[in-house]
PDB file of N, CA and C in Angstrom:
ATOM      1  N   MET A   1       1.910   6.604 -10.517  1.00  0.00           N
ATOM      2  CA  MET A   1       0.552   6.406 -10.076  1.00  0.00           C
ATOM      3  C   MET A   1       0.558   5.293  -9.021  1.00  0.00           C
ATOM      4  N   ILE A   2      -0.148   5.509  -7.933  1.00  0.00           N
ATOM      5  CA  ILE A   2      -0.245   4.527  -6.860  1.00  0.00           C
ATOM      6  C   ILE A   2      -1.693   4.475  -6.374  1.00  0.00           C
ATOM      7  N   THR A   3      -2.157   3.271  -6.110  1.00  0.00           N
ATOM      8  CA  THR A   3      -3.521   3.117  -5.594  1.00  0.00           C
ATOM      9  C   THR A   3      -3.482   3.090  -4.077  1.00  0.00           C
ATOM     10  N   ALA A   4      -4.639   3.306  -3.484  1.00  0.00           N
ATOM     11  CA  ALA A   4      -4.746   3.266  -2.027  1.00  0.00           C
ATOM     12  C   ALA A   4      -4.375   1.887  -1.503  1.00  0.00           C
ATOM     13  N   VAL A   5      -4.757   0.842  -2.222  1.00  0.00           N
ATOM     14  CA  VAL A   5      -4.426  -0.526  -1.809  1.00  0.00           C
ATOM     15  C   VAL A   5      -2.912  -0.723  -1.835  1.00  0.00           C
ATOM     16  N   GLN A   6      -2.246  -0.234  -2.880  1.00  0.00           N
ATOM     17  CA  GLN A   6      -0.792  -0.339  -2.948  1.00  0.00           C
ATOM     18  C   GLN A   6      -0.129   0.431  -1.806  1.00  0.00           C
ATOM     19  N   LEU A   7      -0.655   1.597  -1.506  1.00  0.00           N
ATOM     20  CA  LEU A   7      -0.098   2.416  -0.440  1.00  0.00           C
ATOM     21  C   LEU A   7      -0.198   1.699   0.907  1.00  0.00           C
ATOM     22  N   ARG A   8      -1.380   1.174   1.210  1.00  0.00           N
ATOM     23  CA  ARG A   8      -1.558   0.457   2.485  1.00  0.00           C
ATOM     24  C   ARG A   8      -0.663  -0.780   2.539  1.00  0.00           C
ATOM     25  N   ALA A   9      -0.587  -1.509   1.423  1.00  0.00           N
ATOM     26  CA  ALA A   9       0.250  -2.713   1.383  1.00  0.00           C
ATOM     27  C   ALA A   9       1.729  -2.358   1.552  1.00  0.00           C
ATOM     28  N   ALA A  10       2.172  -1.300   0.915  1.00  0.00           N
ATOM     29  CA  ALA A  10       3.566  -0.872   1.033  1.00  0.00           C
ATOM     30  C   ALA A  10       3.894  -0.519   2.473  1.00  0.00           C
ATOM     31  N   ARG A  11       2.989   0.193   3.117  1.00  0.00           N
ATOM     32  CA  ARG A  11       3.209   0.585   4.508  1.00  0.00           C
ATOM     33  C   ARG A  11       3.300  -0.635   5.411  1.00  0.00           C
ATOM     34  N   VAL A  12       2.423  -1.609   5.178  1.00  0.00           N
ATOM     35  CA  VAL A  12       2.437  -2.837   5.978  1.00  0.00           C
ATOM     36  C   VAL A  12       3.717  -3.635   5.721  1.00  0.00           C
ATOM     37  N   LEU A  13       4.128  -3.738   4.454  1.00  0.00           N
ATOM     38  CA  LEU A  13       5.367  -4.452   4.136  1.00  0.00           C
ATOM     39  C   LEU A  13       6.569  -3.836   4.852  1.00  0.00           C
ATOM     40  N   LEU A  14       6.555  -2.532   5.012  1.00  0.00           N
ATOM     41  CA  LEU A  14       7.649  -1.846   5.691  1.00  0.00           C
ATOM     42  C   LEU A  14       7.507  -1.871   7.210  1.00  0.00           C
ATOM     43  N   GLY A  15       6.343  -2.299   7.686  1.00  0.00           N
ATOM     44  CA  GLY A  15       6.115  -2.336   9.128  1.00  0.00           C
ATOM     45  C   GLY A  15       5.950  -0.950   9.732  1.00  0.00           C
ATOM     46  N   LEU A  16       5.386  -0.044   8.951  1.00  0.00           N
ATOM     47  CA  LEU A  16       5.210   1.338   9.406  1.00  0.00           C
ATOM     48  C   LEU A  16       3.756   1.628   9.737  1.00  0.00           C
ATOM     49  N   ASP A  17       3.543   2.491  10.705  1.00  0.00           N
ATOM     50  CA  ASP A  17       2.188   2.996  10.911  1.00  0.00           C
ATOM     51  C   ASP A  17       2.066   4.305  10.124  1.00  0.00           C
ATOM     52  N   GLN A  18       0.879   4.871  10.112  1.00  0.00           N
ATOM     53  CA  GLN A  18       0.660   6.077   9.311  1.00  0.00           C
ATOM     54  C   GLN A  18       1.524   7.237   9.796  1.00  0.00           C
ATOM     55  N   ARG A  19       1.735   7.338  11.083  1.00  0.00           N
ATOM     56  CA  ARG A  19       2.553   8.410  11.641  1.00  0.00           C
ATOM     57  C   ARG A  19       3.995   8.302  11.157  1.00  0.00           C
ATOM     58  N   GLN A  20       4.526   7.088  11.144  1.00  0.00           N
ATOM     59  CA  GLN A  20       5.901   6.884  10.690  1.00  0.00           C
ATOM     60  C   GLN A  20       6.053   7.186   9.201  1.00  0.00           C
ATOM     61  N   LEU A  21       5.065   6.763   8.393  1.00  0.00           N
ATOM     62  CA  LEU A  21       5.125   7.056   6.960  1.00  0.00           C
ATOM     63  C   LEU A  21       5.036   8.558   6.719  1.00  0.00           C
ATOM     64  N   ALA A  22       4.192   9.234   7.483  1.00  0.00           N
ATOM     65  CA  ALA A  22       4.084  10.686   7.362  1.00  0.00           C
ATOM     66  C   ALA A  22       5.423  11.345   7.653  1.00  0.00           C
ATOM     67  N   SER A  23       6.092  10.887   8.681  1.00  0.00           N
ATOM     68  CA  SER A  23       7.398  11.434   9.044  1.00  0.00           C
ATOM     69  C   SER A  23       8.435  11.177   7.947  1.00  0.00           C
ATOM     70  N   LEU A  24       8.466   9.963   7.420  1.00  0.00           N
ATOM     71  CA  LEU A  24       9.425   9.621   6.362  1.00  0.00           C
ATOM     72  C   LEU A  24       9.211  10.442   5.093  1.00  0.00           C
ATOM     73  N   SER A  25       7.959  10.716   4.784  1.00  0.00           N
ATOM     74  CA  SER A  25       7.634  11.393   3.527  1.00  0.00           C
ATOM     75  C   SER A  25       7.534  12.911   3.659  1.00  0.00           C
ATOM     76  N   GLY A  26       7.534  13.404   4.885  1.00  0.00           N
ATOM     77  CA  GLY A  26       7.386  14.845   5.073  1.00  0.00           C
ATOM     78  C   GLY A  26       5.960  15.328   4.880  1.00  0.00           C
ATOM     79  N   LEU A  27       5.014  14.406   4.993  1.00  0.00           N
ATOM     80  CA  LEU A  27       3.595  14.739   4.864  1.00  0.00           C
ATOM     81  C   LEU A  27       2.930  14.671   6.236  1.00  0.00           C
ATOM     82  N   SER A  28       1.723  15.175   6.330  1.00  0.00           N
ATOM     83  CA  SER A  28       0.993  15.114   7.594  1.00  0.00           C
ATOM     84  C   SER A  28       0.256  13.780   7.712  1.00  0.00           C
ATOM     85  N   VAL A  29      -0.046  13.387   8.932  1.00  0.00           N
ATOM     86  CA  VAL A  29      -0.815  12.155   9.161  1.00  0.00           C
ATOM     87  C   VAL A  29      -2.185  12.244   8.477  1.00  0.00           C
ATOM     88  N   PRO A  30      -2.921  13.371   8.590  1.00  0.00           N
ATOM     89  CA  PRO A  30      -4.206  13.446   7.882  1.00  0.00           C
ATOM     90  C   PRO A  30      -4.073  13.266   6.367  1.00  0.00           C
ATOM     91  N   THR A  31      -2.959  13.737   5.783  1.00  0.00           N
ATOM     92  CA  THR A  31      -2.744  13.554   4.340  1.00  0.00           C
ATOM     93  C   THR A  31      -2.581  12.077   4.021  1.00  0.00           C
ATOM     94  N   ILE A  32      -1.783  11.366   4.814  1.00  0.00           N
ATOM     95  CA  ILE A  32      -1.610   9.923   4.616  1.00  0.00           C
ATOM     96  C   ILE A  32      -2.949   9.220   4.779  1.00  0.00           C
ATOM     97  N   GLN A  33      -3.725   9.598   5.790  1.00  0.00           N
ATOM     98  CA  GLN A  33      -5.038   8.984   6.021  1.00  0.00           C
ATOM     99  C   GLN A  33      -5.964   9.201   4.832  1.00  0.00           C
ATOM    100  N   ARG A  34      -5.980  10.417   4.285  1.00  0.00           N
ATOM    101  CA  ARG A  34      -6.832  10.697   3.114  1.00  0.00           C
ATOM    102  C   ARG A  34      -6.380   9.876   1.912  1.00  0.00           C
ATOM    103  N   MET A  35      -5.080   9.776   1.717  1.00  0.00           N
ATOM    104  CA  MET A  35      -4.565   9.002   0.590  1.00  0.00           C
ATOM    105  C   MET A  35      -4.960   7.532   0.711  1.00  0.00           C
ATOM    106  N   GLU A  36      -4.817   6.975   1.914  1.00  0.00           N
ATOM    107  CA  GLU A  36      -5.156   5.571   2.120  1.00  0.00           C
ATOM    108  C   GLU A  36      -6.661   5.317   2.050  1.00  0.00           C
ATOM    109  N   ALA A  37      -7.465   6.337   2.274  1.00  0.00           N
ATOM    110  CA  ALA A  37      -8.918   6.183   2.235  1.00  0.00           C
ATOM    111  C   ALA A  37      -9.482   6.335   0.822  1.00  0.00           C
ATOM    112  N   SER A  38      -8.636   6.672  -0.142  1.00  0.00           N
ATOM    113  CA  SER A  38      -9.097   6.816  -1.520  1.00  0.00           C
ATOM    114  C   SER A  38      -9.693   5.506  -2.001  1.00  0.00           C
ATOM    115  N   GLU A  39     -10.612   5.599  -2.944  1.00  0.00           N
ATOM    116  CA  GLU A  39     -11.261   4.396  -3.466  1.00  0.00           C
ATOM    117  C   GLU A  39     -10.417   3.673  -4.507  1.00  0.00           C
ATOM    118  N   ALA A  40      -9.598   4.389  -5.217  1.00  0.00           N
ATOM    119  CA  ALA A  40      -8.784   3.747  -6.263  1.00  0.00           C
ATOM    120  C   ALA A  40      -7.417   4.425  -6.289  1.00  0.00           C
ATOM    121  N   VAL A  41      -7.134   5.159  -7.352  1.00  0.00           N
ATOM    122  CA  VAL A  41      -5.857   5.848  -7.490  1.00  0.00           C
ATOM    123  C   VAL A  41      -5.792   6.980  -6.467  1.00  0.00           C
ATOM    124  N   VAL A  42      -4.673   7.067  -5.773  1.00  0.00           N
ATOM    125  CA  VAL A  42      -4.481   8.121  -4.781  1.00  0.00           C
ATOM    126  C   VAL A  42      -4.415   9.464  -5.495  1.00  0.00           C
ATOM    127  N   ARG A  43      -5.169  10.396  -5.006  1.00  0.00           N
ATOM    128  CA  ARG A  43      -5.170  11.735  -5.579  1.00  0.00           C
ATOM    129  C   ARG A  43      -4.614  12.703  -4.544  1.00  0.00           C
ATOM    130  N   GLY A  44      -3.966  13.720  -5.024  1.00  0.00           N
ATOM    131  CA  GLY A  44      -3.404  14.720  -4.129  1.00  0.00           C
ATOM    132  C   GLY A  44      -2.568  15.684  -4.923  1.00  0.00           C
ATOM    133  N   HIS A  45      -1.947  16.604  -4.209  1.00  0.00           N
ATOM    134  CA  HIS A  45      -1.047  17.549  -4.865  1.00  0.00           C
ATOM    135  C   HIS A  45       0.139  16.774  -5.428  1.00  0.00           C
ATOM    136  N   VAL A  46       0.596  17.180  -6.578  1.00  0.00           N
ATOM    137  CA  VAL A  46       1.714  16.497  -7.228  1.00  0.00           C
ATOM    138  C   VAL A  46       2.906  16.444  -6.287  1.00  0.00           C
ATOM    139  N   ASP A  47       3.183  17.536  -5.600  1.00  0.00           N
ATOM    140  CA  ASP A  47       4.315  17.583  -4.677  1.00  0.00           C
ATOM    141  C   ASP A  47       4.175  16.522  -3.581  1.00  0.00           C
ATOM    142  N   SER A  48       2.964  16.350  -3.062  1.00  0.00           N
ATOM    143  CA  SER A  48       2.730  15.349  -2.011  1.00  0.00           C
ATOM    144  C   SER A  48       2.922  13.939  -2.547  1.00  0.00           C
ATOM    145  N   LEU A  49       2.425  13.686  -3.738  1.00  0.00           N
ATOM    146  CA  LEU A  49       2.573  12.357  -4.344  1.00  0.00           C
ATOM    147  C   LEU A  49       4.037  12.041  -4.630  1.00  0.00           C
ATOM    148  N   VAL A  50       4.791  13.043  -5.088  1.00  0.00           N
ATOM    149  CA  VAL A  50       6.217  12.844  -5.359  1.00  0.00           C
ATOM    150  C   VAL A  50       6.953  12.524  -4.061  1.00  0.00           C
ATOM    151  N   LYS A  51       6.637  13.247  -2.999  1.00  0.00           N
ATOM    152  CA  LYS A  51       7.262  12.980  -1.695  1.00  0.00           C
ATOM    153  C   LYS A  51       6.943  11.568  -1.212  1.00  0.00           C
ATOM    154  N   LEU A  52       5.694  11.164  -1.371  1.00  0.00           N
ATOM    155  CA  LEU A  52       5.261   9.838  -0.923  1.00  0.00           C
ATOM    156  C   LEU A  52       5.992   8.740  -1.689  1.00  0.00           C
ATOM    157  N   ILE A  53       5.995   8.832  -3.007  1.00  0.00           N
ATOM    158  CA  ILE A  53       6.648   7.816  -3.840  1.00  0.00           C
ATOM    159  C   ILE A  53       8.153   7.780  -3.557  1.00  0.00           C
ATOM    160  N   ALA A  54       8.770   8.935  -3.393  1.00  0.00           N
ATOM    161  CA  ALA A  54      10.207   8.991  -3.105  1.00  0.00           C
ATOM    162  C   ALA A  54      10.517   8.331  -1.768  1.00  0.00           C
ATOM    163  N   ALA A  55       9.685   8.562  -0.767  1.00  0.00           N
ATOM    164  CA  ALA A  55       9.903   7.955   0.550  1.00  0.00           C
ATOM    165  C   ALA A  55       9.748   6.450   0.485  1.00  0.00           C
ATOM    166  N   LEU A  56       8.732   5.971  -0.232  1.00  0.00           N
ATOM    167  CA  LEU A  56       8.529   4.528  -0.373  1.00  0.00           C
ATOM    168  C   LEU A  56       9.692   3.900  -1.137  1.00  0.00           C
ATOM    169  N   ASP A  57      10.134   4.573  -2.193  1.00  0.00           N
ATOM    170  CA  ASP A  57      11.258   4.070  -2.993  1.00  0.00           C
ATOM    171  C   ASP A  57      12.527   3.987  -2.138  1.00  0.00           C
ATOM    172  N   ALA A  58      12.800   5.023  -1.371  1.00  0.00           N
ATOM    173  CA  ALA A  58      13.993   5.042  -0.524  1.00  0.00           C
ATOM    174  C   ALA A  58      13.928   3.954   0.547  1.00  0.00           C
ATOM    175  N   ALA A  59      12.715   3.596   0.960  1.00  0.00           N
ATOM    176  CA  ALA A  59      12.540   2.561   1.983  1.00  0.00           C
ATOM    177  C   ALA A  59      12.578   1.153   1.388  1.00  0.00           C
ATOM    178  N   GLY A  60      12.619   1.050   0.043  1.00  0.00           N
ATOM    179  CA  GLY A  60      12.737  -0.258  -0.594  1.00  0.00           C
ATOM    180  C   GLY A  60      11.491  -0.788  -1.262  1.00  0.00           C
ATOM    181  N   ILE A  61      10.513   0.060  -1.484  1.00  0.00           N
ATOM    182  CA  ILE A  61       9.268  -0.362  -2.130  1.00  0.00           C
ATOM    183  C   ILE A  61       9.316  -0.039  -3.620  1.00  0.00           C
ATOM    184  N   GLU A  62       8.959  -1.015  -4.443  1.00  0.00           N
ATOM    185  CA  GLU A  62       8.818  -0.809  -5.880  1.00  0.00           C
ATOM    186  C   GLU A  62       7.333  -0.830  -6.213  1.00  0.00           C
ATOM    187  N   ILE A  63       6.838   0.249  -6.751  1.00  0.00           N
ATOM    188  CA  ILE A  63       5.437   0.323  -7.158  1.00  0.00           C
ATOM    189  C   ILE A  63       5.328  -0.319  -8.537  1.00  0.00           C
ATOM    190  N   ILE A  64       4.521  -1.367  -8.640  1.00  0.00           N
ATOM    191  CA  ILE A  64       4.355  -2.086  -9.901  1.00  0.00           C
ATOM    192  C   ILE A  64       2.973  -1.765 -10.453  1.00  0.00           C
ATOM    193  N   ASN A  65       2.928  -1.105 -11.583  1.00  0.00           N
ATOM    194  CA  ASN A  65       1.642  -0.787 -12.201  1.00  0.00           C
ATOM    195  C   ASN A  65       1.052  -2.022 -12.850  1.00  0.00           C
ATOM    196  N   GLU A  66      -0.254  -2.019 -13.020  1.00  0.00           N
ATOM    197  CA  GLU A  66      -0.948  -3.157 -13.614  1.00  0.00           C
ATOM    198  C   GLU A  66      -0.358  -3.475 -14.980  1.00  0.00           C
ATOM    199  N   GLY A  67      -0.026  -4.744 -15.180  1.00  0.00           N
ATOM    200  CA  GLY A  67       0.514  -5.191 -16.450  1.00  0.00           C
ATOM    201  C   GLY A  67       2.005  -4.973 -16.604  1.00  0.00           C
ATOM    202  N   SER A  68       2.632  -4.328 -15.625  1.00  0.00           N
ATOM    203  CA  SER A  68       4.066  -4.072 -15.698  1.00  0.00           C
ATOM    204  C   SER A  68       4.865  -5.250 -15.164  1.00  0.00           C
ATOM    205  N   ILE A  69       6.093  -5.320 -15.581  1.00  0.00           N
ATOM    206  CA  ILE A  69       7.015  -6.337 -15.105  1.00  0.00           C
ATOM    207  C   ILE A  69       7.948  -5.675 -14.101  1.00  0.00           C
ATOM    208  N   SER A  70       8.192  -6.345 -13.006  1.00  0.00           N
ATOM    209  CA  SER A  70       9.115  -5.831 -12.008  1.00  0.00           C
ATOM    210  C   SER A  70      10.536  -6.003 -12.523  1.00  0.00           C
ATOM    211  N   GLN A  71      11.312  -4.938 -12.519  1.00  0.00           N
ATOM    212  CA  GLN A  71      12.690  -4.976 -12.986  1.00  0.00           C
ATOM    213  C   GLN A  71      13.670  -5.255 -11.851  1.00  0.00           C
ATOM    214  N   ALA A  72      13.230  -5.050 -10.626  1.00  0.00           N
ATOM    215  CA  ALA A  72      14.115  -5.225  -9.479  1.00  0.00           C
ATOM    216  C   ALA A  72      14.166  -6.686  -9.048  1.00  0.00           C
ATOM    217  N   GLN A  73      15.217  -7.004  -8.337  1.00  0.00           N
ATOM    218  CA  GLN A  73      15.319  -8.336  -7.768  1.00  0.00           C
ATOM    219  C   GLN A  73      14.821  -8.280  -6.335  1.00  0.00           C
ATOM    220  N   GLY A  74      14.495  -9.413  -5.800  1.00  0.00           N
ATOM    221  CA  GLY A  74      14.020  -9.475  -4.429  1.00  0.00           C
ATOM    222  C   GLY A  74      12.611 -10.015  -4.378  1.00  0.00           C
ATOM    223  N   ARG A  75      12.146 -10.148  -3.194  1.00  0.00           N
ATOM    224  CA  ARG A  75      10.804 -10.680  -2.990  1.00  0.00           C
ATOM    225  C   ARG A  75       9.771  -9.595  -3.172  1.00  0.00           C
ATOM    226  N   GLY A  76       8.551  -9.997  -3.419  1.00  0.00           N
ATOM    227  CA  GLY A  76       7.486  -9.024  -3.561  1.00  0.00           C
ATOM    228  C   GLY A  76       6.143  -9.696  -3.653  1.00  0.00           C
ATOM    229  N   VAL A  77       5.135  -8.900  -3.752  1.00  0.00           N
ATOM    230  CA  VAL A  77       3.778  -9.402  -3.907  1.00  0.00           C
ATOM    231  C   VAL A  77       3.101  -8.612  -5.009  1.00  0.00           C
ATOM    232  N   ARG A  78       2.124  -9.235  -5.600  1.00  0.00           N
ATOM    233  CA  ARG A  78       1.321  -8.572  -6.624  1.00  0.00           C
ATOM    234  C   ARG A  78      -0.115  -9.006  -6.426  1.00  0.00           C
ATOM    235  N   LEU A  79      -1.033  -8.084  -6.512  1.00  0.00           N
ATOM    236  CA  LEU A  79      -2.448  -8.380  -6.402  1.00  0.00           C
ATOM    237  C   LEU A  79      -2.927  -8.960  -7.724  1.00  0.00           C
ATOM    238  N   LYS A  80      -3.610 -10.097  -7.674  1.00  0.00           N
ATOM    239  CA  LYS A  80      -4.132 -10.717  -8.890  1.00  0.00           C
ATOM    240  C   LYS A  80      -5.204  -9.832  -9.512  1.00  0.00           C
ATOM    241  N   ALA A  81      -5.523 -10.105 -10.757  1.00  0.00           N
ATOM    242  CA  ALA A  81      -6.588  -9.368 -11.439  1.00  0.00           C
ATOM    243  C   ALA A  81      -7.848  -9.411 -10.593  1.00  0.00           C
ATOM    244  N   SER A  82      -8.623  -8.372 -10.633  1.00  0.00           N
ATOM    245  CA  SER A  82      -9.774  -8.237  -9.735  1.00  0.00           C
ATOM    246  C   SER A  82     -10.735  -9.413  -9.801  1.00  0.00           C
ATOM    247  N   GLY A  83     -10.850 -10.064 -10.926  1.00  0.00           N
ATOM    248  CA  GLY A  83     -11.753 -11.203 -11.040  1.00  0.00           C
ATOM    249  C   GLY A  83     -11.261 -12.424 -10.289  1.00  0.00           C
ATOM    250  N   ALA A  84      -9.968 -12.481 -10.008  1.00  0.00           N
ATOM    251  CA  ALA A  84      -9.395 -13.653  -9.350  1.00  0.00           C
ATOM    252  C   ALA A  84      -9.340 -13.512  -7.833  1.00  0.00           C
ATOM    253  N   ARG A  85      -9.622 -12.335  -7.311  1.00  0.00           N
ATOM    254  CA  ARG A  85      -9.508 -12.118  -5.871  1.00  0.00           C
ATOM    255  C   ARG A  85     -10.656 -12.755  -5.127  1.00  0.00           C
ATOM    256  N   GLN A  86     -10.331 -13.328  -4.010  1.00  0.00           N
ATOM    257  CA  GLN A  86     -11.329 -13.877  -3.105  1.00  0.00           C
ATOM    258  C   GLN A  86     -11.195 -13.142  -1.786  1.00  0.00           C
ATOM    259  N   PRO A  87     -12.251 -12.529  -1.296  1.00  0.00           N
ATOM    260  CA  PRO A  87     -12.133 -11.813  -0.028  1.00  0.00           C
ATOM    261  C   PRO A  87     -11.825 -12.772   1.104  1.00  0.00           C
ATOM    262  N   HIS A  88     -10.994 -12.315   2.026  1.00  0.00           N
ATOM    263  CA  HIS A  88     -10.627 -13.124   3.183  1.00  0.00           C
ATOM    264  C   HIS A  88     -11.789 -13.128   4.158  1.00  0.00           C
ATOM    265  N   LYS A  89     -12.201 -14.320   4.560  1.00  0.00           N
ATOM    266  CA  LYS A  89     -13.267 -14.444   5.544  1.00  0.00           C
ATOM    267  C   LYS A  89     -12.722 -15.221   6.725  1.00  0.00           C
ATOM    268  N   ALA A  90     -12.815 -14.604   7.883  1.00  0.00           N
ATOM    269  CA  ALA A  90     -12.334 -15.280   9.087  1.00  0.00           C
ATOM    270  C   ALA A  90     -13.311 -16.386   9.456  1.00  0.00           C
ATOM    271  N   ARG A  91     -12.750 -17.493   9.887  1.00  0.00           N
ATOM    272  CA  ARG A  91     -13.605 -18.585  10.327  1.00  0.00           C
ATOM    273  C   ARG A  91     -14.150 -18.280  11.701  1.00  0.00           C
ATOM    274  N   LYS A  92     -15.398 -18.596  11.888  1.00  0.00           N
ATOM    275  CA  LYS A  92     -16.020 -18.371  13.182  1.00  0.00           C
ATOM    276  C   LYS A  92     -15.649 -19.545  14.080  1.00  0.00           C
ATOM    277  N   ARG A  93     -15.061 -19.243  15.203  1.00  0.00           N
ATOM    278  CA  ARG A  93     -14.658 -20.291  16.138  1.00  0.00           C
ATOM    279  C   ARG A  93     -15.795 -20.578  17.100  1.00  0.00           C
ATOM    280  N   THR A  94     -15.922 -21.832  17.377  1.00  0.00           N
ATOM    281  CA  THR A  94     -16.924 -22.252  18.361  1.00  0.00           C
ATOM    282  C   THR A  94     -16.215 -22.892  19.526  1.00  0.00           C
ATOM    283  N   GLY A  95     -16.938 -23.207  20.562  1.00  0.00           N
ATOM    284  CA  GLY A  95     -16.351 -23.822  21.742  1.00  0.00           C
ATOM    285  C   GLY A  95     -15.938 -25.260  21.516  1.00  0.00           C
ATOM    286  N   ALA A  96     -16.471 -25.891  20.501  1.00  0.00           N
ATOM    287  CA  ALA A  96     -16.171 -27.303  20.239  1.00  0.00           C
ATOM    288  C   ALA A  96     -14.786 -27.417  19.607  1.00  0.00           C
ATOM    289  N   SER A  97     -14.041 -28.421  20.027  1.00  0.00           N
ATOM    290  CA  SER A  97     -12.726 -28.626  19.435  1.00  0.00           C
ATOM    291  C   SER A  97     -12.822 -29.671  18.343  1.00  0.00           C
ATOM    292  N   ARG A  98     -11.877 -29.654  17.443  1.00  0.00           N
ATOM    293  CA  ARG A  98     -11.881 -30.585  16.320  1.00  0.00           C
ATOM    294  C   ARG A  98     -10.891 -31.662  16.537  1.00  0.00           C
TER     295      ARG A  98
END
């Protein structure tokens, strides 16, 4: 199981655009776009999801489900529980210098 947020984050970690991920996974760009636009868990044909997960795994991505422990070594990121997240807000720049 993979969420849309995990999918987008995995793609960014790999430095891939949607076209490149589509090529790696054997899926179409519109399929990748639909998967990334999902609100929560990515839904699709089982075959498409298997291809996607296999491509991410081969590229070095470990999908960590909520509450799971990562068994692999290496660096990684994990999204905190939803209550702990703070949305990123860009600071508005003005002409005045500090």
